[in-house]
PDB file of N, CA and C in Angstrom:
ATOM      1  N   UNK A   1     -10.372  -0.795  -0.192  1.00  0.00           N
ATOM      2  CA  UNK A   1     -11.033  -2.060   0.037  1.00  0.00           C
ATOM      3  C   UNK A   1     -10.035  -3.189   0.310  1.00  0.00           C
ATOM      4  N   UNK A   2      -8.776  -3.065  -0.078  1.00  0.00           N
ATOM      5  CA  UNK A   2      -7.836  -4.151   0.230  1.00  0.00           C
ATOM      6  C   UNK A   2      -7.744  -4.477   1.720  1.00  0.00           C
ATOM      7  N   UNK A   3      -7.811  -3.452   2.577  1.00  0.00           N
ATOM      8  CA  UNK A   3      -7.752  -3.722   4.018  1.00  0.00           C
ATOM      9  C   UNK A   3      -8.999  -4.461   4.491  1.00  0.00           C
ATOM     10  N   UNK A   4     -10.153  -4.103   3.952  1.00  0.00           N
ATOM     11  CA  UNK A   4     -11.391  -4.805   4.312  1.00  0.00           C
ATOM     12  C   UNK A   4     -11.294  -6.269   3.886  1.00  0.00           C
ATOM     13  N   UNK A   5     -10.742  -6.509   2.700  1.00  0.00           N
ATOM     14  CA  UNK A   5     -10.568  -7.889   2.221  1.00  0.00           C
ATOM     15  C   UNK A   5      -9.667  -8.672   3.166  1.00  0.00           C
ATOM     16  N   UNK A   6      -8.602  -8.034   3.610  1.00  0.00           N
ATOM     17  CA  UNK A   6      -7.663  -8.690   4.520  1.00  0.00           C
ATOM     18  C   UNK A   6      -8.306  -8.992   5.875  1.00  0.00           C
ATOM     19  N   UNK A   7      -9.029  -8.043   6.420  1.00  0.00           N
ATOM     20  CA  UNK A   7      -9.681  -8.231   7.726  1.00  0.00           C
ATOM     21  C   UNK A   7     -10.703  -9.360   7.663  1.00  0.00           C
ATOM     22  N   UNK A   8     -11.483  -9.383   6.583  1.00  0.00           N
ATOM     23  CA  UNK A   8     -12.593 -10.334   6.489  1.00  0.00           C
ATOM     24  C   UNK A   8     -12.229 -11.647   5.812  1.00  0.00           C
ATOM     25  N   UNK A   9     -11.130 -11.658   5.064  1.00  0.00           N
ATOM     26  CA  UNK A   9     -10.778 -12.862   4.319  1.00  0.00           C
ATOM     27  C   UNK A   9     -11.732 -13.110   3.164  1.00  0.00           C
ATOM     28  N   UNK A  10     -12.280 -12.021   2.592  1.00  0.00           N
ATOM     29  CA  UNK A  10     -13.229 -12.110   1.487  1.00  0.00           C
ATOM     30  C   UNK A  10     -12.708 -11.309   0.305  1.00  0.00           C
ATOM     31  N   UNK A  11     -13.157 -11.655  -0.890  1.00  0.00           N
ATOM     32  CA  UNK A  11     -12.775 -10.906  -2.085  1.00  0.00           C
ATOM     33  C   UNK A  11     -13.588  -9.618  -2.187  1.00  0.00           C
ATOM     34  N   UNK A  12     -13.126  -8.695  -3.045  1.00  0.00           N
ATOM     35  CA  UNK A  12     -13.853  -7.436  -3.242  1.00  0.00           C
ATOM     36  C   UNK A  12     -15.269  -7.693  -3.741  1.00  0.00           C
ATOM     37  N   UNK A  13     -15.424  -8.630  -4.668  1.00  0.00           N
ATOM     38  CA  UNK A  13     -16.766  -8.887  -5.208  1.00  0.00           C
ATOM     39  C   UNK A  13     -17.682  -9.479  -4.141  1.00  0.00           C
ATOM     40  N   UNK A  14     -17.159 -10.312  -3.260  1.00  0.00           N
ATOM     41  CA  UNK A  14     -17.978 -10.876  -2.186  1.00  0.00           C
ATOM     42  C   UNK A  14     -18.398  -9.780  -1.210  1.00  0.00           C
ATOM     43  N   UNK A  15     -17.484  -8.878  -0.897  1.00  0.00           N
ATOM     44  CA  UNK A  15     -17.828  -7.766  -0.004  1.00  0.00           C
ATOM     45  C   UNK A  15     -18.916  -6.912  -0.635  1.00  0.00           C
ATOM     46  N   UNK A  16     -18.783  -6.607  -1.934  1.00  0.00           N
ATOM     47  CA  UNK A  16     -19.824  -5.823  -2.616  1.00  0.00           C
ATOM     48  C   UNK A  16     -21.172  -6.531  -2.537  1.00  0.00           C
ATOM     49  N   UNK A  17     -21.173  -7.841  -2.746  1.00  0.00           N
ATOM     50  CA  UNK A  17     -22.422  -8.600  -2.683  1.00  0.00           C
ATOM     51  C   UNK A  17     -23.025  -8.601  -1.287  1.00  0.00           C
ATOM     52  N   UNK A  18     -22.221  -8.427  -0.262  1.00  0.00           N
ATOM     53  CA  UNK A  18     -22.726  -8.403   1.120  1.00  0.00           C
ATOM     54  C   UNK A  18     -23.412  -7.082   1.449  1.00  0.00           C
ATOM     55  N   UNK A  19     -22.870  -5.955   0.962  1.00  0.00           N
ATOM     56  CA  UNK A  19     -23.445  -4.668   1.370  1.00  0.00           C
ATOM     57  C   UNK A  19     -24.436  -4.079   0.379  1.00  0.00           C
ATOM     58  N   UNK A  20     -24.429  -4.511  -0.872  1.00  0.00           N
ATOM     59  CA  UNK A  20     -25.389  -3.973  -1.844  1.00  0.00           C
ATOM     60  C   UNK A  20     -26.711  -4.724  -1.745  1.00  0.00           C
ATOM     61  N   UNK A  21     -27.790  -3.982  -1.618  1.00  0.00           N
ATOM     62  CA  UNK A  21     -29.102  -4.621  -1.480  1.00  0.00           C
ATOM     63  C   UNK A  21     -29.453  -5.463  -2.698  1.00  0.00           C
ATOM     64  N   UNK A  22     -28.901  -5.137  -3.846  1.00  0.00           N
ATOM     65  CA  UNK A  22     -29.162  -5.917  -5.058  1.00  0.00           C
ATOM     66  C   UNK A  22     -28.186  -7.083  -5.210  1.00  0.00           C
ATOM     67  N   UNK A  23     -27.251  -7.218  -4.275  1.00  0.00           N
ATOM     68  CA  UNK A  23     -26.248  -8.276  -4.352  1.00  0.00           C
ATOM     69  C   UNK A  23     -26.846  -9.651  -4.102  1.00  0.00           C
ATOM     70  N   UNK A  24     -26.253 -10.634  -4.734  1.00  0.00           N
ATOM     71  CA  UNK A  24     -26.732 -12.014  -4.609  1.00  0.00           C
ATOM     72  C   UNK A  24     -26.676 -12.506  -3.161  1.00  0.00           C
ATOM     73  N   UNK A  25     -25.665 -12.093  -2.441  1.00  0.00           N
ATOM     74  CA  UNK A  25     -25.469 -12.545  -1.057  1.00  0.00           C
ATOM     75  C   UNK A  25     -25.642 -11.399  -0.065  1.00  0.00           C
ATOM     76  N   UNK A  26     -26.575 -10.498  -0.353  1.00  0.00           N
ATOM     77  CA  UNK A  26     -26.818  -9.340   0.518  1.00  0.00           C
ATOM     78  C   UNK A  26     -27.033  -9.786   1.958  1.00  0.00           C
ATOM     79  N   UNK A  27     -26.370  -9.092   2.868  1.00  0.00           N
ATOM     80  CA  UNK A  27     -26.491  -9.379   4.297  1.00  0.00           C
ATOM     81  C   UNK A  27     -26.794  -8.059   5.011  1.00  0.00           C
ATOM     82  N   UNK A  28     -28.028  -7.884   5.489  1.00  0.00           N
ATOM     83  CA  UNK A  28     -28.377  -6.615   6.138  1.00  0.00           C
ATOM     84  C   UNK A  28     -27.558  -6.325   7.395  1.00  0.00           C
ATOM     85  N   UNK A  29     -26.905  -7.337   7.962  1.00  0.00           N
ATOM     86  CA  UNK A  29     -26.088  -7.095   9.151  1.00  0.00           C
ATOM     87  C   UNK A  29     -24.670  -6.637   8.796  1.00  0.00           C
ATOM     88  N   UNK A  30     -24.325  -6.673   7.506  1.00  0.00           N
ATOM     89  CA  UNK A  30     -22.984  -6.255   7.088  1.00  0.00           C
ATOM     90  C   UNK A  30     -22.834  -4.748   7.292  1.00  0.00           C
ATOM     91  N   UNK A  31     -21.683  -4.291   7.807  1.00  0.00           N
ATOM     92  CA  UNK A  31     -21.497  -2.848   8.033  1.00  0.00           C
ATOM     93  C   UNK A  31     -21.661  -2.043   6.740  1.00  0.00           C
ATOM     94  N   UNK A  32     -22.323  -0.914   6.861  1.00  0.00           N
ATOM     95  CA  UNK A  32     -22.523  -0.037   5.706  1.00  0.00           C
ATOM     96  C   UNK A  32     -21.233   0.733   5.429  1.00  0.00           C
ATOM     97  N   UNK A  33     -20.844   0.835   4.159  1.00  0.00           N
ATOM     98  CA  UNK A  33     -19.646   1.618   3.835  1.00  0.00           C
ATOM     99  C   UNK A  33     -19.910   3.113   3.989  1.00  0.00           C
ATOM    100  N   UNK A  34     -18.841   3.849   4.173  1.00  0.00           N
ATOM    101  CA  UNK A  34     -18.908   5.309   4.290  1.00  0.00           C
ATOM    102  C   UNK A  34     -18.252   5.922   3.051  1.00  0.00           C
ATOM    103  N   UNK A  35     -18.847   6.982   2.517  1.00  0.00           N
ATOM    104  CA  UNK A  35     -18.236   7.723   1.407  1.00  0.00           C
ATOM    105  C   UNK A  35     -17.067   8.532   1.960  1.00  0.00           C
ATOM    106  N   UNK A  36     -15.931   8.479   1.271  1.00  0.00           N
ATOM    107  CA  UNK A  36     -14.732   9.147   1.757  1.00  0.00           C
ATOM    108  C   UNK A  36     -14.457  10.472   1.053  1.00  0.00           C
ATOM    109  N   UNK A  37     -15.247  10.810   0.063  1.00  0.00           N
ATOM    110  CA  UNK A  37     -15.034  12.059  -0.664  1.00  0.00           C
ATOM    111  C   UNK A  37     -16.322  12.832  -0.808  1.00  0.00           C
ATOM    112  N   UNK A  38     -16.247  13.886  -1.595  1.00  0.00           N
ATOM    113  CA  UNK A  38     -17.412  14.749  -1.774  1.00  0.00           C
ATOM    114  C   UNK A  38     -17.989  14.656  -3.179  1.00  0.00           C
ATOM    115  N   UNK A  39     -17.646  13.595  -3.914  1.00  0.00           N
ATOM    116  CA  UNK A  39     -18.118  13.456  -5.290  1.00  0.00           C
ATOM    117  C   UNK A  39     -19.313  12.516  -5.403  1.00  0.00           C
ATOM    118  N   UNK A  40     -20.042  12.354  -4.314  1.00  0.00           N
ATOM    119  CA  UNK A  40     -21.238  11.511  -4.346  1.00  0.00           C
ATOM    120  C   UNK A  40     -20.913  10.061  -4.651  1.00  0.00           C
ATOM    121  N   UNK A  41     -21.634   9.491  -5.603  1.00  0.00           N
ATOM    122  CA  UNK A  41     -21.472   8.070  -5.931  1.00  0.00           C
ATOM    123  C   UNK A  41     -20.100   7.737  -6.496  1.00  0.00           C
ATOM    124  N   UNK A  42     -19.364   8.730  -6.959  1.00  0.00           N
ATOM    125  CA  UNK A  42     -18.044   8.491  -7.541  1.00  0.00           C
ATOM    126  C   UNK A  42     -16.929   8.499  -6.494  1.00  0.00           C
ATOM    127  N   UNK A  43     -17.265   8.826  -5.260  1.00  0.00           N
ATOM    128  CA  UNK A  43     -16.268   8.882  -4.193  1.00  0.00           C
ATOM    129  C   UNK A  43     -15.873   7.475  -3.758  1.00  0.00           C
ATOM    130  N   UNK A  44     -14.660   7.373  -3.256  1.00  0.00           N
ATOM    131  CA  UNK A  44     -14.198   6.107  -2.696  1.00  0.00           C
ATOM    132  C   UNK A  44     -15.026   5.779  -1.452  1.00  0.00           C
ATOM    133  N   UNK A  45     -15.062   4.503  -1.105  1.00  0.00           N
ATOM    134  CA  UNK A  45     -15.771   4.079   0.099  1.00  0.00           C
ATOM    135  C   UNK A  45     -14.793   3.417   1.060  1.00  0.00           C
ATOM    136  N   UNK A  46     -15.182   3.363   2.312  1.00  0.00           N
ATOM    137  CA  UNK A  46     -14.374   2.711   3.326  1.00  0.00           C
ATOM    138  C   UNK A  46     -15.246   2.306   4.500  1.00  0.00           C
ATOM    139  N   UNK A  47     -14.660   1.578   5.424  1.00  0.00           N
ATOM    140  CA  UNK A  47     -15.374   1.111   6.607  1.00  0.00           C
ATOM    141  C   UNK A  47     -14.572   1.445   7.844  1.00  0.00           C
ATOM    142  N   UNK A  48     -15.265   1.532   8.949  1.00  0.00           N
ATOM    143  CA  UNK A  48     -14.616   1.606  10.242  1.00  0.00           C
ATOM    144  C   UNK A  48     -14.080   0.200  10.518  1.00  0.00           C
ATOM    145  N   UNK A  49     -12.789   0.090  10.764  1.00  0.00           N
ATOM    146  CA  UNK A  49     -12.172  -1.228  10.945  1.00  0.00           C
ATOM    147  C   UNK A  49     -12.829  -2.004  12.084  1.00  0.00           C
ATOM    148  N   UNK A  50     -13.161  -1.326  13.174  1.00  0.00           N
ATOM    149  CA  UNK A  50     -13.778  -2.023  14.310  1.00  0.00           C
ATOM    150  C   UNK A  50     -15.124  -2.615  13.922  1.00  0.00           C
ATOM    151  N   UNK A  51     -15.887  -1.917  13.065  1.00  0.00           N
ATOM    152  CA  UNK A  51     -17.161  -2.463  12.586  1.00  0.00           C
ATOM    153  C   UNK A  51     -16.936  -3.764  11.821  1.00  0.00           C
ATOM    154  N   UNK A  52     -15.874  -3.800  11.008  1.00  0.00           N
ATOM    155  CA  UNK A  52     -15.575  -5.018  10.246  1.00  0.00           C
ATOM    156  C   UNK A  52     -15.166  -6.157  11.178  1.00  0.00           C
ATOM    157  N   UNK A  53     -14.307  -5.853  12.155  1.00  0.00           N
ATOM    158  CA  UNK A  53     -13.903  -6.887  13.118  1.00  0.00           C
ATOM    159  C   UNK A  53     -15.113  -7.418  13.893  1.00  0.00           C
ATOM    160  N   UNK A  54     -15.980  -6.520  14.321  1.00  0.00           N
ATOM    161  CA  UNK A  54     -17.171  -6.939  15.071  1.00  0.00           C
ATOM    162  C   UNK A  54     -18.064  -7.830  14.223  1.00  0.00           C
ATOM    163  N   UNK A  55     -18.266  -7.467  12.949  1.00  0.00           N
ATOM    164  CA  UNK A  55     -19.105  -8.275  12.062  1.00  0.00           C
ATOM    165  C   UNK A  55     -18.462  -9.646  11.862  1.00  0.00           C
ATOM    166  N   UNK A  56     -17.156  -9.658  11.571  1.00  0.00           N
ATOM    167  CA  UNK A  56     -16.441 -10.921  11.364  1.00  0.00           C
ATOM    168  C   UNK A  56     -16.548 -11.820  12.591  1.00  0.00           C
ATOM    169  N   UNK A  57     -16.351 -11.242  13.759  1.00  0.00           N
ATOM    170  CA  UNK A  57     -16.361 -12.033  14.988  1.00  0.00           C
ATOM    171  C   UNK A  57     -17.758 -12.513  15.378  1.00  0.00           C
ATOM    172  N   UNK A  58     -18.787 -11.889  14.815  1.00  0.00           N
ATOM    173  CA  UNK A  58     -20.162 -12.306  15.120  1.00  0.00           C
ATOM    174  C   UNK A  58     -20.628 -13.461  14.239  1.00  0.00           C
ATOM    175  N   UNK A  59     -19.858 -13.782  13.208  1.00  0.00           N
ATOM    176  CA  UNK A  59     -20.240 -14.834  12.263  1.00  0.00           C
ATOM    177  C   UNK A  59     -19.895 -16.206  12.830  1.00  0.00           C
ATOM    178  N   UNK A  60     -20.708 -17.212  12.538  1.00  0.00           N
ATOM    179  CA  UNK A  60     -20.349 -18.566  12.985  1.00  0.00           C
ATOM    180  C   UNK A  60     -19.098 -19.046  12.247  1.00  0.00           C
ATOM    181  N   UNK A  61     -18.291 -19.812  12.939  1.00  0.00           N
ATOM    182  CA  UNK A  61     -17.073 -20.337  12.317  1.00  0.00           C
ATOM    183  C   UNK A  61     -17.402 -21.527  11.434  1.00  0.00           C
ATOM    184  N   UNK A  62     -16.679 -21.632  10.327  1.00  0.00           N
ATOM    185  CA  UNK A  62     -16.852 -22.774   9.424  1.00  0.00           C
ATOM    186  C   UNK A  62     -16.225 -24.012  10.050  1.00  0.00           C
ATOM    187  N   UNK A  63     -16.794 -25.142   9.755  1.00  0.00           N
ATOM    188  CA  UNK A  63     -16.277 -26.400  10.305  1.00  0.00           C
ATOM    189  C   UNK A  63     -15.433 -27.091   9.269  1.00  0.00           C
TER     190      UNK A  63
END
């Protein structure tokens, strides 16, 4: 998740809140994470970097 934080400029907790449906700041347009192992819910997660860049670039810029 450190690379996702770097790409998006967001903290780990903010990223979790974006992709979890129960998150305070859930965003259905946020890229869904992929499981990287075979241990089900205990496996690490990751994202396709291009998906993160595309999502970031689609967001309005702050003024």
